[in-house]
Amino acid sequence: MTTFQTETGPWLVIIDGQRIFADPTSPWGSPMWADALPRILALADAFGLRVLKTRWVPPDPRVGSWGPYMDAWPFADRPADDPLYDFVPELEGVGHECLVEHSFGKFGPRMESITGGYPHLVLTGVSTDCCVISTALPAADAGATLTLVTDACAGSTPENHAAALTVMGLFPPQITLTTTADLLAAGGPEGAA
């Protein structure tokens, strides 16, 4: 596959490709992850160094609603360095940057400092109906341009995935929905720009 490495242009964001969301035995494991992963890897190959992985870890301290949330999900109430929060093995070594956040949404000053100002972000990852949508909507509201790769995202269920895509599809031209094949056929990062 051709690798597109440019000085400027879109960043591929792989949201929370971690064991807690990928393992089918995890209460938060996505049944769609196994199908999304090869597409994510193909896109990462095309984007070269312009790949940002994000990683969710529980907030510490548990402020506000995070206390009751973590009480509701005790299996996930572990230290941030617990192996449950590691990236899946296939994503180890992928990408140039990693952003660790204690929130579902990953867009904010730290992501902007990595991707630059009002970036063009190409979103993939898990879960479509939680961390992906929580990243996409604030990013669009802040002025970022987003391309959401629908088949490189994994929802908590196929129904929740479809519902989240419907919501994000209401925000053109700030959020554009596409597929892996269409994005790669258009030139990868250049096709997203």
Protein backbone atom coordinates (compact mmCIF):
# COMPACT_ATOMS: atom_id res chain seq x y z
CA MET A 1 0.00 0.00 0.00
CA THR A 2 1.15 3.55 -0.71
CA THR A 3 2.07 5.64 2.30
CA PHE A 4 1.16 9.32 2.18
CA GLN A 5 3.51 11.33 4.38
CA THR A 6 2.95 15.03 3.99
CA GLU A 7 4.01 18.03 6.03
CA THR A 8 0.43 19.22 6.30
CA GLY A 9 -2.92 17.60 5.88
CA PRO A 10 -5.41 15.45 7.73
CA TRP A 11 -4.59 13.34 10.74
CA LEU A 12 -5.96 9.85 11.20
CA VAL A 13 -7.28 9.47 14.76
CA ILE A 14 -7.66 5.94 16.12
CA ILE A 15 -9.93 6.34 19.11
CA ASP A 16 -9.39 3.95 22.02
CA GLY A 17 -8.21 0.79 20.24
CA GLN A 18 -7.73 -0.84 23.63
CA ARG A 19 -8.27 -4.31 25.02
CA ILE A 20 -11.17 -3.17 27.21
CA PHE A 21 -13.15 -2.26 24.06
CA ALA A 22 -11.83 -4.98 21.73
CA ASP A 23 -11.95 -8.12 23.85
CA PRO A 24 -15.26 -9.91 23.16
CA THR A 25 -15.33 -11.12 26.79
CA SER A 26 -15.16 -7.55 28.15
CA PRO A 27 -18.49 -6.00 29.17
CA TRP A 28 -17.45 -3.07 26.97
CA GLY A 29 -16.14 -5.21 24.11
CA SER A 30 -17.50 -4.24 20.70
CA PRO A 31 -18.84 -7.07 18.52
CA MET A 32 -17.80 -4.94 15.52
CA TRP A 33 -14.12 -4.50 16.45
CA ALA A 34 -12.75 -7.52 14.55
CA ASP A 35 -14.21 -6.16 11.29
CA ALA A 36 -13.06 -2.57 11.90
CA LEU A 37 -9.45 -3.38 12.85
CA PRO A 38 -8.12 -4.38 9.39
CA ARG A 39 -9.62 -1.19 7.94
CA ILE A 40 -8.03 0.91 10.68
CA LEU A 41 -4.66 -0.70 9.95
CA ALA A 42 -5.02 -0.04 6.20
CA LEU A 43 -5.76 3.61 6.90
CA ALA A 44 -2.86 3.88 9.35
CA ASP A 45 -0.56 2.54 6.66
CA ALA A 46 -1.79 5.21 4.23
CA PHE A 47 -1.45 8.06 6.73
CA GLY A 48 2.11 7.20 7.77
CA LEU A 49 3.27 9.43 10.62
CA ARG A 50 0.07 11.49 10.72
CA VAL A 51 -1.66 8.98 12.99
CA LEU A 52 -2.81 9.82 16.50
CA LYS A 53 -3.97 7.06 18.84
CA THR A 54 -6.07 7.91 21.85
CA ARG A 55 -6.40 5.94 25.03
CA TRP A 56 -9.13 6.20 27.67
CA VAL A 57 -8.25 5.65 31.31
CA PRO A 58 -10.52 6.13 34.33
CA PRO A 59 -10.49 9.57 35.91
CA ASP A 60 -8.49 9.90 39.08
CA PRO A 61 -9.86 11.43 41.20
CA ARG A 62 -13.43 10.44 40.36
CA VAL A 63 -15.04 13.87 40.20
CA GLY A 64 -18.74 14.55 39.71
CA SER A 65 -20.63 11.87 37.83
CA TRP A 66 -17.47 9.79 37.30
CA GLY A 67 -17.82 8.36 40.83
CA PRO A 68 -21.24 6.80 40.24
CA TYR A 69 -20.22 5.84 36.69
CA MET A 70 -17.21 3.85 37.87
CA ASP A 71 -19.34 2.36 40.67
CA ALA A 72 -21.74 1.11 37.97
CA TRP A 73 -18.86 -0.51 36.05
CA PRO A 74 -16.61 -2.00 38.77
CA PHE A 75 -14.76 -4.27 36.31
CA ALA A 76 -13.25 -1.11 34.76
CA ASP A 77 -12.32 0.53 38.04
CA ARG A 78 -8.60 -0.20 37.76
CA PRO A 79 -5.40 1.83 37.70
CA ALA A 80 -4.54 3.52 34.41
CA ASP A 81 -1.55 1.20 33.88
CA ASP A 82 -3.67 -1.96 34.10
CA PRO A 83 -3.22 -4.18 30.99
CA LEU A 84 -6.97 -3.88 30.32
CA TYR A 85 -6.22 -0.34 29.10
CA ASP A 86 -3.36 -1.37 26.77
CA PHE A 87 -3.74 -1.02 23.03
CA VAL A 88 -4.57 -4.21 21.19
CA PRO A 89 -1.35 -5.89 19.98
CA GLU A 90 -2.05 -5.01 16.33
CA LEU A 91 -1.91 -1.29 17.18
CA GLU A 92 1.35 -1.39 19.13
CA GLY A 93 3.87 0.65 17.18
CA VAL A 94 1.21 2.18 14.93
CA GLY A 95 1.18 5.93 14.71
CA HIS A 96 3.45 8.69 15.79
CA GLU A 97 1.53 10.21 18.69
CA CYS A 98 -0.57 8.96 21.60
CA LEU A 99 -3.06 10.97 23.62
CA VAL A 100 -4.29 9.67 26.99
CA GLU A 101 -7.47 11.25 28.34
CA HIS A 102 -9.78 10.69 31.28
CA SER A 103 -12.85 11.61 29.24
CA PHE A 104 -14.89 9.93 26.52
CA GLY A 105 -14.32 12.82 24.13
CA LYS A 106 -10.71 13.28 23.11
CA PHE A 107 -10.88 16.62 21.30
CA GLY A 108 -9.47 19.56 23.20
CA PRO A 109 -6.32 21.63 23.64
CA ARG A 110 -4.02 18.61 23.86
CA MET A 111 -5.31 17.11 20.60
CA GLU A 112 -5.19 20.52 18.93
CA SER A 113 -1.56 20.96 20.01
CA ILE A 114 -0.68 17.71 18.25
CA THR A 115 -2.78 18.12 15.10
CA GLY A 116 -2.57 21.90 14.80
CA GLY A 117 -5.17 24.64 15.18
CA TYR A 118 -8.39 23.78 13.39
CA PRO A 119 -7.36 20.45 11.94
CA HIS A 120 -8.89 18.01 9.52
CA LEU A 121 -9.36 14.80 11.45
CA VAL A 122 -10.20 11.40 10.00
CA LEU A 123 -11.89 9.48 12.80
CA THR A 124 -11.85 5.72 13.38
CA GLY A 125 -12.10 3.57 16.47
CA VAL A 126 -14.37 2.43 19.22
CA SER A 127 -17.02 2.90 20.32
CA THR A 128 -18.93 4.82 17.68
CA ASP A 129 -21.74 5.57 20.11
CA CYS A 130 -19.53 6.75 22.98
CA CYS A 131 -15.94 7.94 22.53
CA VAL A 132 -16.12 8.52 18.75
CA ILE A 133 -19.27 10.66 18.83
CA SER A 134 -18.01 12.39 22.02
CA THR A 135 -14.89 13.38 20.09
CA ALA A 136 -16.57 14.26 16.80
CA LEU A 137 -19.26 16.67 17.97
CA PRO A 138 -17.06 18.93 20.13
CA ALA A 139 -14.37 18.93 17.42
CA ALA A 140 -16.88 20.02 14.78
CA ASP A 141 -18.31 22.63 17.13
CA ALA A 142 -14.79 24.01 17.69
CA GLY A 143 -14.24 24.36 13.94
CA ALA A 144 -12.37 21.19 13.02
CA THR A 145 -13.23 19.42 9.78
CA LEU A 146 -14.00 15.74 10.25
CA THR A 147 -14.19 12.71 8.03
CA LEU A 148 -15.74 9.76 9.83
CA VAL A 149 -14.82 6.38 8.35
CA THR A 150 -17.98 4.44 9.07
CA ASP A 151 -16.64 0.92 8.55
CA ALA A 152 -13.46 1.65 10.53
CA CYS A 153 -15.52 2.43 13.62
CA ALA A 154 -17.00 -0.14 15.97
CA GLY A 155 -20.12 0.46 18.00
CA SER A 156 -21.21 -1.14 21.24
CA THR A 157 -23.87 -2.84 19.09
CA PRO A 158 -24.69 -2.58 15.38
CA GLU A 159 -27.87 -0.69 16.29
CA ASN A 160 -26.03 1.83 18.48
CA HIS A 161 -23.38 2.23 15.77
CA ALA A 162 -26.09 3.04 13.20
CA ALA A 163 -27.78 5.50 15.57
CA ALA A 164 -24.50 7.35 16.21
CA LEU A 165 -23.79 7.53 12.46
CA THR A 166 -27.24 8.99 11.92
CA VAL A 167 -26.56 11.73 14.47
CA MET A 168 -23.09 12.56 13.11
CA GLY A 169 -24.49 12.52 9.58
CA LEU A 170 -26.62 15.54 10.56
CA PHE A 171 -23.54 17.79 10.66
CA PRO A 172 -22.34 18.28 7.07
CA PRO A 173 -20.10 19.85 5.91
CA GLN A 174 -18.31 19.79 9.28
CA ILE A 175 -18.62 15.99 9.48
CA THR A 176 -18.49 13.87 6.34
CA LEU A 177 -19.19 10.14 6.40
CA THR A 178 -17.23 7.81 4.13
CA THR A 179 -15.92 4.24 3.93
CA THR A 180 -12.37 2.94 4.02
CA ALA A 181 -12.48 1.85 0.38
CA ASP A 182 -13.79 5.22 -0.80
CA LEU A 183 -11.23 7.17 1.22
CA LEU A 184 -8.31 5.06 0.02
CA ALA A 185 -9.57 5.18 -3.58
CA ALA A 186 -9.63 8.98 -3.32
CA GLY A 187 -5.97 9.05 -2.26
CA GLY A 188 -6.06 8.49 1.49
CA PRO A 189 -5.17 11.71 3.31
CA GLU A 190 -5.32 13.70 0.07
CA GLY A 191 -8.82 12.31 -0.55
CA ALA A 192 -9.95 13.50 2.86
CA ALA A 193 -8.60 17.02 2.40
